[in-house]
Amino acid sequence: MGLKDLFSFLGQGSSKDDRVAQYVIREHDRGRSLNEILEDKYVVNRLQSPEQRARLLDRPEIMQAIGGDMTEASEASLKD
């Protein structure tokens, strides 16, 4: 058993997380709110705990995708 085999468990689940992250970004691009997307059956069935879903927000690609909208919303609320 090589070193690669010893640490193979570290990569498990990442492709599932990647697919969910892509889904979140795609749905957000369609105009849906992040809260709504995180409650979708697709997301909940793959990331069952709230902690797992919250970890999605740690992903740079998701923060980049939703960050601009969050900034725009904050600016709009300040103007009101």
N, C-alpha and C. Protein backbone atom coordinates (compact mmCIF):
# COMPACT_ATOMS: atom_id res chain seq x y z
N MET A 1 0.85 -1.17 0.00
CA MET A 1 0.00 0.00 0.00
C MET A 1 0.89 1.23 0.00
N GLY A 2 0.66 2.10 -0.98
CA GLY A 2 1.49 3.29 -1.11
C GLY A 2 0.92 4.48 -0.33
N LEU A 3 1.71 5.51 -0.29
CA LEU A 3 1.31 6.72 0.41
C LEU A 3 0.02 7.31 -0.17
N LYS A 4 -0.12 7.22 -1.47
CA LYS A 4 -1.32 7.73 -2.13
C LYS A 4 -2.57 7.01 -1.62
N ASP A 5 -2.46 5.69 -1.40
CA ASP A 5 -3.59 4.90 -0.91
C ASP A 5 -3.96 5.28 0.52
N LEU A 6 -2.97 5.61 1.33
CA LEU A 6 -3.23 5.96 2.72
C LEU A 6 -4.10 7.21 2.85
N PHE A 7 -3.94 8.14 1.94
CA PHE A 7 -4.65 9.40 2.03
C PHE A 7 -5.76 9.53 0.99
N SER A 8 -6.15 8.44 0.38
CA SER A 8 -7.18 8.50 -0.66
C SER A 8 -8.52 8.95 -0.11
N PHE A 9 -8.77 8.73 1.18
CA PHE A 9 -10.05 9.13 1.76
C PHE A 9 -10.23 10.65 1.78
N LEU A 10 -9.14 11.39 1.69
CA LEU A 10 -9.24 12.85 1.74
C LEU A 10 -9.99 13.41 0.54
N GLY A 11 -9.91 12.74 -0.58
CA GLY A 11 -10.57 13.23 -1.78
C GLY A 11 -12.01 12.79 -1.91
N GLN A 12 -12.48 11.92 -1.03
CA GLN A 12 -13.84 11.42 -1.12
C GLN A 12 -14.84 12.52 -0.84
N GLY A 13 -15.88 12.54 -1.61
CA GLY A 13 -16.93 13.52 -1.41
C GLY A 13 -16.69 14.84 -2.11
N SER A 14 -15.47 15.10 -2.53
CA SER A 14 -15.21 16.40 -3.14
C SER A 14 -15.94 16.55 -4.46
N SER A 15 -16.08 15.47 -5.23
CA SER A 15 -16.79 15.61 -6.49
C SER A 15 -18.27 15.88 -6.23
N LYS A 16 -18.83 15.31 -5.18
CA LYS A 16 -20.22 15.59 -4.81
C LYS A 16 -20.36 17.07 -4.43
N ASP A 17 -19.42 17.56 -3.63
CA ASP A 17 -19.44 18.97 -3.24
C ASP A 17 -19.27 19.87 -4.46
N ASP A 18 -18.42 19.46 -5.38
CA ASP A 18 -18.22 20.24 -6.61
C ASP A 18 -19.51 20.34 -7.41
N ARG A 19 -20.22 19.22 -7.53
CA ARG A 19 -21.48 19.22 -8.29
C ARG A 19 -22.53 20.11 -7.62
N VAL A 20 -22.61 20.05 -6.30
CA VAL A 20 -23.56 20.89 -5.58
C VAL A 20 -23.18 22.36 -5.73
N ALA A 21 -21.89 22.66 -5.65
CA ALA A 21 -21.44 24.04 -5.82
C ALA A 21 -21.80 24.55 -7.21
N GLN A 22 -21.60 23.73 -8.23
CA GLN A 22 -21.96 24.14 -9.59
C GLN A 22 -23.47 24.38 -9.71
N TYR A 23 -24.25 23.54 -9.04
CA TYR A 23 -25.70 23.70 -9.04
C TYR A 23 -26.10 25.04 -8.39
N VAL A 24 -25.49 25.32 -7.23
CA VAL A 24 -25.80 26.56 -6.51
C VAL A 24 -25.48 27.77 -7.39
N ILE A 25 -24.33 27.76 -8.02
CA ILE A 25 -23.92 28.88 -8.87
C ILE A 25 -24.86 29.01 -10.06
N ARG A 26 -25.20 27.90 -10.69
CA ARG A 26 -26.09 27.93 -11.86
C ARG A 26 -27.48 28.48 -11.48
N GLU A 27 -28.02 28.00 -10.37
CA GLU A 27 -29.34 28.46 -9.94
C GLU A 27 -29.31 29.93 -9.51
N HIS A 28 -28.23 30.34 -8.89
CA HIS A 28 -28.11 31.74 -8.51
C HIS A 28 -28.03 32.63 -9.74
N ASP A 29 -27.32 32.17 -10.75
CA ASP A 29 -27.23 32.92 -12.01
C ASP A 29 -28.60 33.06 -12.67
N ARG A 30 -29.50 32.12 -12.39
CA ARG A 30 -30.86 32.18 -12.93
C ARG A 30 -31.74 33.14 -12.13
N GLY A 31 -31.19 33.72 -11.07
CA GLY A 31 -31.93 34.73 -10.32
C GLY A 31 -32.52 34.27 -9.00
N ARG A 32 -32.24 33.06 -8.60
CA ARG A 32 -32.81 32.56 -7.34
C ARG A 32 -31.96 33.00 -6.16
N SER A 33 -32.60 33.14 -5.00
CA SER A 33 -31.87 33.55 -3.80
C SER A 33 -31.07 32.37 -3.24
N LEU A 34 -30.00 32.70 -2.57
CA LEU A 34 -29.14 31.67 -1.99
C LEU A 34 -29.90 30.84 -0.95
N ASN A 35 -30.69 31.48 -0.12
CA ASN A 35 -31.45 30.74 0.89
C ASN A 35 -32.39 29.72 0.26
N GLU A 36 -33.04 30.13 -0.80
CA GLU A 36 -33.96 29.24 -1.51
C GLU A 36 -33.21 28.05 -2.11
N ILE A 37 -32.07 28.32 -2.71
CA ILE A 37 -31.28 27.26 -3.35
C ILE A 37 -30.79 26.25 -2.31
N LEU A 38 -30.33 26.75 -1.17
CA LEU A 38 -29.80 25.85 -0.13
C LEU A 38 -30.87 24.95 0.47
N GLU A 39 -32.14 25.27 0.27
CA GLU A 39 -33.22 24.43 0.75
C GLU A 39 -33.77 23.48 -0.32
N ASP A 40 -33.24 23.56 -1.54
CA ASP A 40 -33.66 22.66 -2.61
C ASP A 40 -33.41 21.21 -2.22
N LYS A 41 -34.30 20.33 -2.69
CA LYS A 41 -34.12 18.90 -2.43
C LYS A 41 -32.78 18.40 -2.96
N TYR A 42 -32.37 18.90 -4.11
CA TYR A 42 -31.09 18.49 -4.69
C TYR A 42 -29.95 18.74 -3.72
N VAL A 43 -29.93 19.91 -3.11
CA VAL A 43 -28.85 20.28 -2.20
C VAL A 43 -28.99 19.51 -0.88
N VAL A 44 -30.19 19.51 -0.32
CA VAL A 44 -30.42 18.87 0.98
C VAL A 44 -30.16 17.37 0.92
N ASN A 45 -30.52 16.72 -0.18
CA ASN A 45 -30.29 15.28 -0.29
C ASN A 45 -28.81 14.93 -0.38
N ARG A 46 -28.00 15.84 -0.88
CA ARG A 46 -26.57 15.56 -1.04
C ARG A 46 -25.74 16.08 0.13
N LEU A 47 -26.20 17.15 0.74
CA LEU A 47 -25.51 17.73 1.90
C LEU A 47 -26.56 17.83 3.00
N GLN A 48 -26.69 16.76 3.78
CA GLN A 48 -27.83 16.63 4.67
C GLN A 48 -27.78 17.52 5.90
N SER A 49 -26.61 17.79 6.41
CA SER A 49 -26.55 18.61 7.62
C SER A 49 -26.43 20.09 7.27
N PRO A 50 -26.99 20.95 8.12
CA PRO A 50 -26.84 22.39 7.88
C PRO A 50 -25.37 22.82 7.85
N GLU A 51 -24.53 22.13 8.59
CA GLU A 51 -23.10 22.47 8.60
C GLU A 51 -22.47 22.21 7.24
N GLN A 52 -22.87 21.09 6.61
CA GLN A 52 -22.34 20.79 5.27
C GLN A 52 -22.77 21.86 4.27
N ARG A 53 -24.03 22.27 4.36
CA ARG A 53 -24.52 23.30 3.44
C ARG A 53 -23.84 24.64 3.72
N ALA A 54 -23.60 24.94 4.98
CA ALA A 54 -22.93 26.19 5.34
C ALA A 54 -21.50 26.22 4.81
N ARG A 55 -20.85 25.05 4.76
CA ARG A 55 -19.47 24.98 4.25
C ARG A 55 -19.39 25.37 2.78
N LEU A 56 -20.51 25.27 2.07
CA LEU A 56 -20.50 25.70 0.67
C LEU A 56 -20.08 27.16 0.56
N LEU A 57 -20.45 27.94 1.56
CA LEU A 57 -20.13 29.37 1.52
C LEU A 57 -18.65 29.64 1.71
N ASP A 58 -17.89 28.62 2.10
CA ASP A 58 -16.44 28.76 2.21
C ASP A 58 -15.73 28.57 0.87
N ARG A 59 -16.48 28.10 -0.11
CA ARG A 59 -15.88 27.83 -1.42
C ARG A 59 -15.70 29.13 -2.19
N PRO A 60 -14.50 29.40 -2.68
CA PRO A 60 -14.24 30.67 -3.37
C PRO A 60 -15.11 30.90 -4.59
N GLU A 61 -15.43 29.84 -5.35
CA GLU A 61 -16.23 30.03 -6.56
C GLU A 61 -17.66 30.45 -6.22
N ILE A 62 -18.17 29.99 -5.10
CA ILE A 62 -19.51 30.40 -4.69
C ILE A 62 -19.48 31.84 -4.18
N MET A 63 -18.48 32.16 -3.38
CA MET A 63 -18.37 33.53 -2.87
C MET A 63 -18.20 34.52 -4.02
N GLN A 64 -17.46 34.14 -5.03
CA GLN A 64 -17.28 35.01 -6.19
C GLN A 64 -18.60 35.19 -6.92
N ALA A 65 -19.36 34.10 -7.07
CA ALA A 65 -20.61 34.16 -7.82
C ALA A 65 -21.67 34.98 -7.09
N ILE A 66 -21.76 34.84 -5.77
CA ILE A 66 -22.81 35.54 -5.05
C ILE A 66 -22.33 36.85 -4.44
N GLY A 67 -21.03 37.03 -4.37
CA GLY A 67 -20.47 38.22 -3.74
C GLY A 67 -20.88 39.51 -4.41
N GLY A 68 -20.88 39.54 -5.72
CA GLY A 68 -21.26 40.75 -6.44
C GLY A 68 -22.70 41.13 -6.16
N ASP A 69 -23.58 40.14 -6.13
CA ASP A 69 -24.99 40.42 -5.85
C ASP A 69 -25.18 40.90 -4.42
N MET A 70 -24.42 40.35 -3.50
CA MET A 70 -24.54 40.77 -2.11
C MET A 70 -24.07 42.22 -1.96
N THR A 71 -23.01 42.56 -2.67
CA THR A 71 -22.50 43.93 -2.64
C THR A 71 -23.53 44.90 -3.21
N GLU A 72 -24.11 44.52 -4.35
CA GLU A 72 -25.13 45.36 -4.98
C GLU A 72 -26.34 45.54 -4.06
N ALA A 73 -26.77 44.48 -3.40
CA ALA A 73 -27.91 44.56 -2.49
C ALA A 73 -27.60 45.47 -1.31
N SER A 74 -26.39 45.38 -0.80
CA SER A 74 -25.99 46.24 0.33
C SER A 74 -25.97 47.70 -0.09
N GLU A 75 -25.44 47.97 -1.27
CA GLU A 75 -25.39 49.34 -1.76
C GLU A 75 -26.79 49.88 -1.98
N ALA A 76 -27.68 49.05 -2.52
CA ALA A 76 -29.06 49.48 -2.77
C ALA A 76 -29.78 49.79 -1.46
N SER A 77 -29.53 48.98 -0.44
CA SER A 77 -30.20 49.22 0.85
C SER A 77 -29.67 50.49 1.51
N LEU A 78 -28.42 50.84 1.27
CA LEU A 78 -27.86 52.05 1.83
C LEU A 78 -28.45 53.31 1.17
N LYS A 79 -28.84 53.18 -0.08
CA LYS A 79 -29.40 54.32 -0.81
C LYS A 79 -30.84 54.59 -0.40
N ASP A 80 -31.53 53.59 0.14
CA ASP A 80 -32.94 53.77 0.53
C ASP A 80 -33.10 54.57 1.79
